[in-house]
């Protein structure tokens, strides 16, 4: 009996699904044909001319896969974890995450942010990247830039923009590690969960959870869950510019985060250390909101406190 893995149909999504397939086959000693990859086209793949926030947010990457999973058409779904909404259906559970790849952004089209010409046009669909760029270079003109990695690189090559930013992890997985300049995280803190690939199953499917569990990378899972807890504590959505990165040193988790005004004119940042778990994320979210100026705080809708 085959195990059916649902995935988006882009080149990067299929590469990541194949990574999951290979890890499962190695863990269980299965032949590759024991796992069937089931490409599912999402709304986010179909609609490329508008920002995600205008047409439904991150659910555009997940709702079709969720429907297939809950309908029994697939047994598991592979996701880029930064594209997965913070609040998930109770009937769906994150079963595992692969080892995290490079979390950094890469700048493509210039040697550095400082080297961009005055008033340069930079393409991105990310509110975080837009806000961070404008904080560093208020003179830049930021334009909407959607599409898969190949599409965006082609638009850049055609001269539609002077530069763009892409995740290093995606470029590396597509064999494009030669593209762009990696930006240090002290300059541009990444998106929460950037670089992480996760596998979801039905929450009541104990057999699927048991099959997926051996490929989980506990350090990645701990860090990503802390970053997602920060997002939940903030009440963040796809409109809100948030950057965060967790790391582990032994049993100690360190979480850094930054909230930025949409036009980059203001920001608040902070860090916290504690035991592994989601408490650090919630605590840092509360601290950042307490210290944030009103024009940043208004972007968030945190859950009411008891």
Protein backbone atom coordinates (compact mmCIF):
# COMPACT_ATOMS: atom_id res chain seq x y z
CA UNK A 1 0.00 0.00 0.00
CA UNK A 2 1.41 3.38 -1.02
CA UNK A 3 1.74 6.35 1.26
CA UNK A 4 0.41 9.42 -0.58
CA UNK A 5 2.22 12.73 -0.05
CA UNK A 6 0.46 15.87 -1.23
CA UNK A 7 2.52 18.79 -2.48
CA UNK A 8 2.24 21.97 -4.47
CA UNK A 9 3.39 21.57 -8.05
CA UNK A 10 6.18 24.15 -8.27
CA UNK A 11 9.73 23.01 -8.89
CA UNK A 12 10.73 23.93 -5.33
CA UNK A 13 7.71 22.23 -3.77
CA UNK A 14 8.35 19.04 -5.74
CA UNK A 15 12.02 19.12 -4.74
CA UNK A 16 11.01 19.39 -1.10
CA UNK A 17 8.46 16.59 -1.47
CA UNK A 18 11.15 14.39 -2.97
CA UNK A 19 13.38 15.21 0.02
CA UNK A 20 10.62 13.97 2.32
CA UNK A 21 10.07 10.86 0.19
CA UNK A 22 13.79 10.06 0.22
CA UNK A 23 14.01 10.55 4.00
CA UNK A 24 11.03 8.28 4.62
CA UNK A 25 12.34 5.56 2.32
CA UNK A 26 15.75 5.70 4.00
CA UNK A 27 14.20 5.58 7.48
CA UNK A 28 11.96 2.60 6.71
CA UNK A 29 14.01 0.77 4.08
CA UNK A 30 11.28 1.29 1.48
CA UNK A 31 11.68 1.42 -2.29
CA UNK A 32 10.96 4.87 -3.72
CA UNK A 33 7.72 3.71 -5.33
CA UNK A 34 6.30 2.98 -1.87
CA UNK A 35 5.49 6.70 -1.72
CA UNK A 36 3.30 8.46 -4.28
CA UNK A 37 3.71 12.20 -4.75
CA UNK A 38 0.37 13.90 -5.44
CA UNK A 39 0.77 17.42 -6.92
CA UNK A 40 -2.10 19.73 -5.99
CA UNK A 41 -2.43 23.18 -7.53
CA UNK A 42 -3.22 25.84 -4.95
CA UNK A 43 -4.93 29.20 -5.29
CA UNK A 44 -1.62 30.85 -4.44
CA UNK A 45 -0.08 29.19 -7.50
CA UNK A 46 -2.92 30.29 -9.78
CA UNK A 47 -3.21 33.94 -8.72
CA UNK A 48 0.12 35.69 -9.30
CA UNK A 49 -0.80 39.34 -9.91
CA UNK A 50 -1.86 40.37 -6.40
CA UNK A 51 -0.33 40.33 -2.93
CA UNK A 52 -1.32 37.35 -0.79
CA UNK A 53 -2.74 39.65 1.87
CA UNK A 54 -5.29 40.98 -0.64
CA UNK A 55 -6.63 37.59 -1.70
CA UNK A 56 -6.70 35.41 1.39
CA UNK A 57 -3.26 35.24 2.96
CA UNK A 58 -1.23 32.12 3.66
CA UNK A 59 -4.29 29.88 3.40
CA UNK A 60 -3.90 30.23 -0.36
CA UNK A 61 -0.93 27.85 -0.09
CA UNK A 62 -2.63 25.34 2.21
CA UNK A 63 -6.40 25.15 1.81
CA UNK A 64 -6.42 22.80 -1.19
CA UNK A 65 -3.87 20.53 0.48
CA UNK A 66 -5.91 20.65 3.70
CA UNK A 67 -9.04 19.67 1.80
CA UNK A 68 -7.27 16.73 0.14
CA UNK A 69 -5.80 15.61 3.45
CA UNK A 70 -9.05 15.78 5.40
CA UNK A 71 -10.90 14.18 2.48
CA UNK A 72 -8.59 11.15 2.54
CA UNK A 73 -7.13 11.83 -0.92
CA UNK A 74 -3.62 12.05 0.55
CA UNK A 75 -2.03 10.71 3.74
CA UNK A 76 0.34 13.59 4.39
CA UNK A 77 1.11 17.07 3.06
CA UNK A 78 4.52 18.69 2.57
CA UNK A 79 4.80 22.41 3.28
CA UNK A 80 7.35 25.18 3.46
CA UNK A 81 6.65 26.01 7.08
CA UNK A 82 6.88 29.77 6.59
CA UNK A 83 3.84 29.47 4.28
CA UNK A 84 1.68 27.66 6.86
CA UNK A 85 -0.85 29.74 8.81
CA UNK A 86 -0.16 30.06 12.52
CA UNK A 87 -3.58 28.75 13.55
CA UNK A 88 -4.25 25.39 11.94
CA UNK A 89 -7.39 23.19 11.88
CA UNK A 90 -7.59 20.97 14.96
CA UNK A 91 -8.01 17.97 12.67
CA UNK A 92 -4.53 18.52 11.18
CA UNK A 93 -1.22 18.01 13.01
CA UNK A 94 2.39 18.79 12.21
CA UNK A 95 4.03 15.36 12.31
CA UNK A 96 7.68 16.20 11.57
CA UNK A 97 10.12 18.71 10.14
CA UNK A 98 13.25 18.03 8.13
CA UNK A 99 16.58 19.56 9.20
CA UNK A 100 16.41 23.29 8.58
CA UNK A 101 18.38 24.76 5.70
CA UNK A 102 20.04 28.18 5.45
CA UNK A 103 17.63 30.68 7.02
CA UNK A 104 19.09 33.77 5.32
CA UNK A 105 17.74 35.91 2.51
CA UNK A 106 19.78 36.39 -0.64
CA UNK A 107 19.96 39.70 -2.48
CA UNK A 108 20.00 39.21 -6.25
CA UNK A 109 20.93 42.06 -8.56
CA UNK A 110 23.45 43.93 -6.40
CA UNK A 111 26.49 43.18 -4.25
CA UNK A 112 24.87 44.67 -1.17
CA UNK A 113 21.87 46.73 -0.09
CA UNK A 114 24.18 49.75 0.16
CA UNK A 115 25.32 49.20 -3.44
CA UNK A 116 21.82 49.60 -4.88
CA UNK A 117 21.55 52.82 -6.90
CA UNK A 118 19.56 55.68 -5.37
CA UNK A 119 15.85 55.05 -5.91
CA UNK A 120 16.46 51.50 -7.11
CA UNK A 121 13.40 49.32 -7.78
CA UNK A 122 13.32 46.16 -5.69
CA UNK A 123 10.70 43.47 -6.23
CA UNK A 124 9.23 41.48 -3.35
CA UNK A 125 5.83 40.28 -2.18
CA UNK A 126 6.95 40.01 1.47
CA UNK A 127 5.80 42.74 3.90
CA UNK A 128 8.77 41.81 6.10
CA UNK A 129 11.36 42.26 3.34
CA UNK A 130 9.67 45.46 2.18
CA UNK A 131 9.75 46.98 5.68
CA UNK A 132 13.32 45.87 6.37
CA UNK A 133 14.56 47.28 3.06
CA UNK A 134 12.82 50.61 3.63
CA UNK A 135 14.23 50.80 7.14
CA UNK A 136 17.73 50.41 5.71
CA UNK A 137 17.16 52.40 2.50
CA UNK A 138 14.10 54.70 2.59
CA UNK A 139 14.87 55.84 -0.97
CA UNK A 140 14.18 52.43 -2.51
CA UNK A 141 11.00 51.80 -4.52
CA UNK A 142 9.47 48.45 -3.57
CA UNK A 143 7.12 46.80 -6.08
CA UNK A 144 5.02 43.64 -5.93
CA UNK A 145 6.95 40.63 -7.22
CA UNK A 146 5.14 37.30 -7.18
CA UNK A 147 5.78 33.96 -8.84
CA UNK A 148 7.97 30.93 -8.29
CA UNK A 149 11.75 31.18 -8.12
CA UNK A 150 12.25 30.74 -11.86
CA UNK A 151 9.61 33.34 -12.70
CA UNK A 152 11.11 35.92 -10.38
CA UNK A 153 14.63 35.36 -11.66
CA UNK A 154 13.34 35.72 -15.23
CA UNK A 155 11.58 39.00 -14.37
CA UNK A 156 14.80 40.29 -12.84
CA UNK A 157 16.82 39.24 -15.89
CA UNK A 158 14.28 41.05 -18.12
CA UNK A 159 14.96 44.29 -16.24
CA UNK A 160 11.55 44.63 -14.58
CA UNK A 161 13.36 45.46 -11.31
CA UNK A 162 16.90 46.26 -10.24
CA UNK A 163 17.02 43.59 -7.55
CA UNK A 164 14.99 41.10 -5.58
CA UNK A 165 15.31 38.99 -2.44
CA UNK A 166 14.80 35.22 -2.26
CA UNK A 167 15.26 32.66 0.49
CA UNK A 168 18.68 31.03 0.40
CA UNK A 169 17.10 27.68 1.31
CA UNK A 170 14.92 27.58 -1.80
CA UNK A 171 17.75 28.59 -4.10
CA UNK A 172 20.04 25.95 -2.59
CA UNK A 173 17.42 23.22 -2.93
CA UNK A 174 16.99 24.11 -6.60
CA UNK A 175 20.72 23.90 -7.22
CA UNK A 176 21.07 27.68 -7.46
CA UNK A 177 23.48 28.27 -4.58
CA UNK A 178 25.52 30.47 -6.93
CA UNK A 179 22.72 33.02 -7.18
CA UNK A 180 22.74 36.16 -5.06
CA UNK A 181 24.54 37.42 -1.98
CA UNK A 182 23.50 35.99 1.39
CA UNK A 183 22.57 38.75 3.83
CA UNK A 184 23.65 38.29 7.46
CA UNK A 185 20.82 37.77 9.92
CA UNK A 186 22.04 40.75 11.95
CA UNK A 187 21.18 42.88 8.92
CA UNK A 188 17.99 41.13 7.81
CA UNK A 189 16.43 38.77 10.32
CA UNK A 190 14.51 36.08 8.39
CA UNK A 191 10.84 35.22 8.38
CA UNK A 192 9.62 32.89 11.12
CA UNK A 193 10.08 29.24 10.00
CA UNK A 194 12.14 30.23 6.94
CA UNK A 195 14.17 27.30 5.62
CA UNK A 196 12.03 24.62 7.30
CA UNK A 197 10.04 21.88 5.54
CA UNK A 198 7.21 20.28 7.49
CA UNK A 199 4.89 17.34 7.02
CA UNK A 200 1.28 17.43 8.21
CA UNK A 201 -1.10 14.50 8.69
CA UNK A 202 -4.62 14.03 10.00
CA UNK A 203 -4.50 14.45 13.78
CA UNK A 204 -6.39 11.19 14.34
CA UNK A 205 -4.23 9.15 11.94
CA UNK A 206 -1.93 7.42 14.41
CA UNK A 207 -0.43 5.19 11.73
CA UNK A 208 0.63 8.13 9.56
CA UNK A 209 2.08 9.95 12.57
CA UNK A 210 4.12 6.88 13.47
CA UNK A 211 5.44 6.54 9.91
CA UNK A 212 6.47 10.20 9.72
CA UNK A 213 7.95 10.51 13.22
CA UNK A 214 11.37 8.91 12.46
CA UNK A 215 12.32 11.70 10.02
CA UNK A 216 11.64 14.52 12.47
CA UNK A 217 14.59 16.79 13.31
CA UNK A 218 13.89 17.78 16.93
CA UNK A 219 16.07 20.91 16.93
CA UNK A 220 14.32 22.31 13.85
CA UNK A 221 10.89 21.47 15.27
CA UNK A 222 11.68 23.14 18.61
CA UNK A 223 12.92 26.32 16.94
CA UNK A 224 10.09 26.58 14.42
CA UNK A 225 7.41 25.94 17.04
CA UNK A 226 8.87 28.73 19.18
CA UNK A 227 8.79 31.09 16.20
CA UNK A 228 5.20 30.09 15.43
CA UNK A 229 4.27 30.67 19.10
CA UNK A 230 5.64 34.21 18.74
CA UNK A 231 3.38 34.76 15.71
CA UNK A 232 0.39 33.41 17.62
CA UNK A 233 1.14 35.66 20.58
CA UNK A 234 1.37 38.67 18.30
CA UNK A 235 -1.79 37.84 16.38
CA UNK A 236 0.33 38.29 13.26
CA UNK A 237 -0.94 37.64 9.76
CA UNK A 238 0.44 37.96 6.25
CA UNK A 239 0.01 41.77 6.38
CA UNK A 240 2.36 42.23 9.32
CA UNK A 241 6.13 42.68 9.00
CA UNK A 242 7.62 40.22 11.49
CA UNK A 243 11.09 38.69 11.54
CA UNK A 244 12.19 35.96 13.96
CA UNK A 245 14.81 33.29 14.41
CA UNK A 246 15.28 30.74 17.19
CA UNK A 247 18.42 28.74 17.95
CA UNK A 248 19.33 26.02 20.41
CA UNK A 249 22.41 25.69 22.63
CA UNK A 250 22.02 22.47 24.55
CA UNK A 251 18.69 22.71 26.34
CA UNK A 252 18.53 26.50 26.08
CA UNK A 253 16.45 28.11 23.37
CA UNK A 254 17.22 31.66 22.24
CA UNK A 255 14.64 33.57 20.23
CA UNK A 256 15.25 36.88 18.46
CA UNK A 257 12.47 38.88 16.83
CA UNK A 258 11.74 42.23 15.23
CA UNK A 259 8.53 44.09 14.40
CA UNK A 260 8.77 46.81 11.76
CA UNK A 261 6.40 49.52 10.59
CA UNK A 262 5.18 48.89 7.05
CA UNK A 263 7.20 51.78 5.65
CA UNK A 264 10.25 50.95 7.76
CA UNK A 265 10.25 54.21 9.74
CA UNK A 266 10.00 52.49 13.14
CA UNK A 267 10.83 49.12 14.63
CA UNK A 268 11.13 47.25 17.90
CA UNK A 269 13.31 44.23 18.52
CA UNK A 270 14.25 41.91 21.35
CA UNK A 271 15.40 38.49 22.39
CA UNK A 272 14.69 35.94 25.08
CA UNK A 273 16.26 32.76 26.41
CA UNK A 274 14.56 29.86 28.13
CA UNK A 275 13.79 26.18 28.09
CA UNK A 276 12.61 24.50 24.91
CA UNK A 277 8.92 25.06 24.37
CA UNK A 278 6.46 27.67 23.19
CA UNK A 279 6.60 29.85 26.32
CA UNK A 280 9.54 31.88 24.99
CA UNK A 281 7.58 32.81 21.88
CA UNK A 282 4.56 33.97 23.83
CA UNK A 283 6.67 35.92 26.32
CA UNK A 284 8.70 37.70 23.65
CA UNK A 285 5.52 38.58 21.75
CA UNK A 286 4.09 40.25 24.85
CA UNK A 287 7.34 42.12 25.49
CA UNK A 288 7.59 43.42 21.93
CA UNK A 289 3.98 44.60 21.89
CA UNK A 290 4.42 46.33 25.25
CA UNK A 291 7.42 48.27 23.88
CA UNK A 292 6.15 48.87 20.35
CA UNK A 293 5.07 52.35 19.27
CA UNK A 294 1.37 52.70 18.46
CA UNK A 295 1.85 52.63 14.68
CA UNK A 296 3.45 49.19 14.99
CA UNK A 297 1.13 47.86 17.70
CA UNK A 298 -1.94 48.63 15.58
CA UNK A 299 -0.76 46.10 12.96
CA UNK A 300 -1.30 43.20 15.37
CA UNK A 301 -4.32 41.57 16.94
CA UNK A 302 -2.97 39.53 19.85
CA UNK A 303 -5.27 37.14 21.71
CA UNK A 304 -6.84 38.76 24.75
CA UNK A 305 -5.02 38.09 27.97
CA UNK A 306 -6.83 36.43 30.88
